[in-house]
Amino acid sequence: SEQQLVDCSKNGNMGCNGGAMDSAFEYEEGTVVCTEDSYPYTAKNGVCHAARCTSGIPKGGVVGFKDVAGDDEEALMDAVAQQPVSVAIEADQMAFQLYKGGVMNGTCGTKLDHGVVAVGDGVQDG
């Protein structure tokens, strides 16, 4: 649940004001990771209530994470072929602001300010 990270992952993170993906992963390694249904997104900072989750990944279920060099597209595509991958993007670009779905074809930015999940490479529904 993204809201769980906003509310509960405090080491190096600042709720709705941002944070670091690695800090979020470290938090997830040591706790139950709630599903979106059991800890819904509210788009605001809140009090952590992860202990009340009814479904999710049990404590110990998230084991490790690996950073991929930002300038190694082949390594990123190899990682995406294995599992969803957290990536940082420049979210204030017009292509992202107007994005409604499908394959994102915008240009790459360098002022990274938002974390998203990459789930594939260039192909939709295939």
Protein backbone atom coordinates (compact mmCIF):
# COMPACT_ATOMS: atom_id res chain seq x y z
CA SER A 1 0.00 0.00 0.00
CA GLU A 2 1.43 3.39 -0.94
CA GLN A 3 -0.47 4.95 1.96
CA GLN A 4 1.28 2.59 4.37
CA LEU A 5 4.61 3.94 3.12
CA VAL A 6 3.39 7.54 3.48
CA ASP A 7 2.16 6.97 7.03
CA CYS A 8 4.65 4.45 8.41
CA SER A 9 8.04 4.62 6.64
CA LYS A 10 9.68 7.45 8.57
CA ASN A 11 13.42 6.66 8.37
CA GLY A 12 14.59 9.05 5.65
CA ASN A 13 11.06 9.64 4.35
CA MET A 14 8.72 12.58 4.86
CA GLY A 15 5.24 11.28 4.07
CA CYS A 16 3.54 13.25 1.30
CA ASN A 17 6.62 15.49 1.04
CA GLY A 18 8.71 12.71 -0.47
CA GLY A 19 11.47 10.39 0.50
CA ALA A 20 13.81 7.72 -0.75
CA MET A 21 12.84 4.43 -2.36
CA ASP A 22 15.65 2.55 -0.59
CA SER A 23 14.33 3.74 2.79
CA ALA A 24 10.86 2.51 1.84
CA PHE A 25 12.25 -0.90 0.83
CA GLU A 26 14.18 -1.17 4.09
CA TYR A 27 10.94 -0.45 5.97
CA GLU A 28 9.10 -3.14 3.96
CA GLU A 29 11.77 -5.75 4.78
CA GLY A 30 10.93 -5.50 8.49
CA THR A 31 7.14 -5.34 8.53
CA VAL A 32 3.87 -6.61 7.09
CA VAL A 33 3.26 -4.95 3.71
CA CYS A 34 -0.44 -4.18 3.42
CA THR A 35 -2.49 -4.46 0.24
CA GLU A 36 -4.13 -1.37 -1.22
CA ASP A 37 -7.54 -2.73 -0.17
CA SER A 38 -6.54 -3.19 3.47
CA TYR A 39 -4.72 0.18 3.70
CA PRO A 40 -6.33 2.51 1.10
CA TYR A 41 -4.65 5.60 -0.36
CA THR A 42 -5.90 8.89 1.13
CA ALA A 43 -3.48 11.36 -0.53
CA LYS A 44 -2.54 12.88 2.84
CA ASN A 45 -0.27 12.15 5.80
CA GLY A 46 -1.87 9.98 8.44
CA VAL A 47 -1.20 7.89 11.53
CA CYS A 48 0.38 4.49 10.87
CA HIS A 49 -2.10 1.65 11.28
CA ALA A 50 -0.24 -1.17 9.52
CA ALA A 51 -0.89 -3.48 12.48
CA ARG A 52 -4.58 -3.54 11.48
CA CYS A 53 -3.94 -4.88 7.96
CA THR A 54 -6.16 -7.78 6.99
CA SER A 55 -4.17 -8.85 3.93
CA GLY A 56 -0.74 -8.37 2.42
CA ILE A 57 2.78 -9.74 2.42
CA PRO A 58 3.71 -11.12 5.86
CA LYS A 59 6.68 -9.79 7.82
CA GLY A 60 9.79 -11.33 6.30
CA GLY A 61 8.13 -11.71 2.91
CA VAL A 62 10.07 -8.85 1.34
CA VAL A 63 13.66 -10.05 1.18
CA GLY A 64 16.23 -7.66 -0.22
CA PHE A 65 16.29 -5.19 -3.04
CA LYS A 66 18.84 -4.20 -5.63
CA ASP A 67 19.69 -0.83 -7.13
CA VAL A 68 20.16 -0.66 -10.91
CA ALA A 69 22.41 2.05 -12.34
CA GLY A 70 20.32 4.85 -13.81
CA ASP A 71 22.33 4.93 -17.01
CA ASP A 72 22.19 1.17 -17.70
CA GLU A 73 19.07 0.64 -19.81
CA GLU A 74 19.90 -3.02 -20.47
CA ALA A 75 20.18 -3.78 -16.73
CA LEU A 76 16.86 -2.00 -16.15
CA MET A 77 15.12 -4.01 -18.87
CA ASP A 78 16.59 -7.24 -17.47
CA ALA A 79 15.20 -6.33 -14.04
CA VAL A 80 11.76 -5.37 -15.44
CA ALA A 81 11.62 -8.74 -17.24
CA GLN A 82 11.86 -10.43 -13.80
CA GLN A 83 9.57 -8.28 -11.63
CA PRO A 84 8.06 -4.80 -11.30
CA VAL A 85 10.78 -2.20 -10.68
CA SER A 86 10.58 1.11 -8.80
CA VAL A 87 11.97 3.93 -10.90
CA ALA A 88 12.38 7.66 -10.38
CA ILE A 89 11.04 10.05 -13.01
CA GLU A 90 10.75 13.78 -13.61
CA ALA A 91 7.01 14.11 -13.01
CA ASP A 92 6.59 17.78 -13.90
CA GLN A 93 7.00 17.08 -17.62
CA MET A 94 3.89 17.69 -19.76
CA ALA A 95 3.91 14.10 -21.10
CA PHE A 96 3.55 12.77 -17.57
CA GLN A 97 0.98 15.37 -16.52
CA LEU A 98 -1.29 14.37 -19.44
CA TYR A 99 -0.66 10.61 -19.20
CA LYS A 100 -3.87 8.56 -19.11
CA GLY A 101 -2.58 5.01 -19.64
CA GLY A 102 -0.71 2.64 -21.91
CA VAL A 103 2.97 2.76 -22.84
CA MET A 104 4.63 6.00 -21.72
CA ASN A 105 6.57 7.54 -24.60
CA GLY A 106 7.73 10.83 -23.08
CA THR A 107 11.32 12.01 -23.04
CA CYS A 108 13.53 11.22 -20.07
CA GLY A 109 14.09 14.00 -17.57
CA THR A 110 16.99 14.52 -15.22
CA LYS A 111 15.29 16.29 -12.29
CA LEU A 112 13.99 13.14 -10.64
CA ASP A 113 11.14 13.96 -8.27
CA HIS A 114 8.64 11.10 -8.26
CA GLY A 115 8.71 7.33 -7.80
CA VAL A 116 6.63 5.02 -10.02
CA VAL A 117 6.66 1.33 -10.92
CA ALA A 118 7.88 0.05 -14.31
CA VAL A 119 6.07 -3.16 -15.24
CA GLY A 120 7.18 -3.65 -18.84
CA ASP A 121 9.19 -2.33 -21.75
CA GLY A 122 7.49 -0.90 -24.82
CA VAL A 123 4.69 -3.46 -25.25
CA GLN A 124 1.15 -3.22 -23.98
CA ASP A 125 -1.08 -6.29 -23.53
CA GLY A 126 1.65 -8.56 -24.86
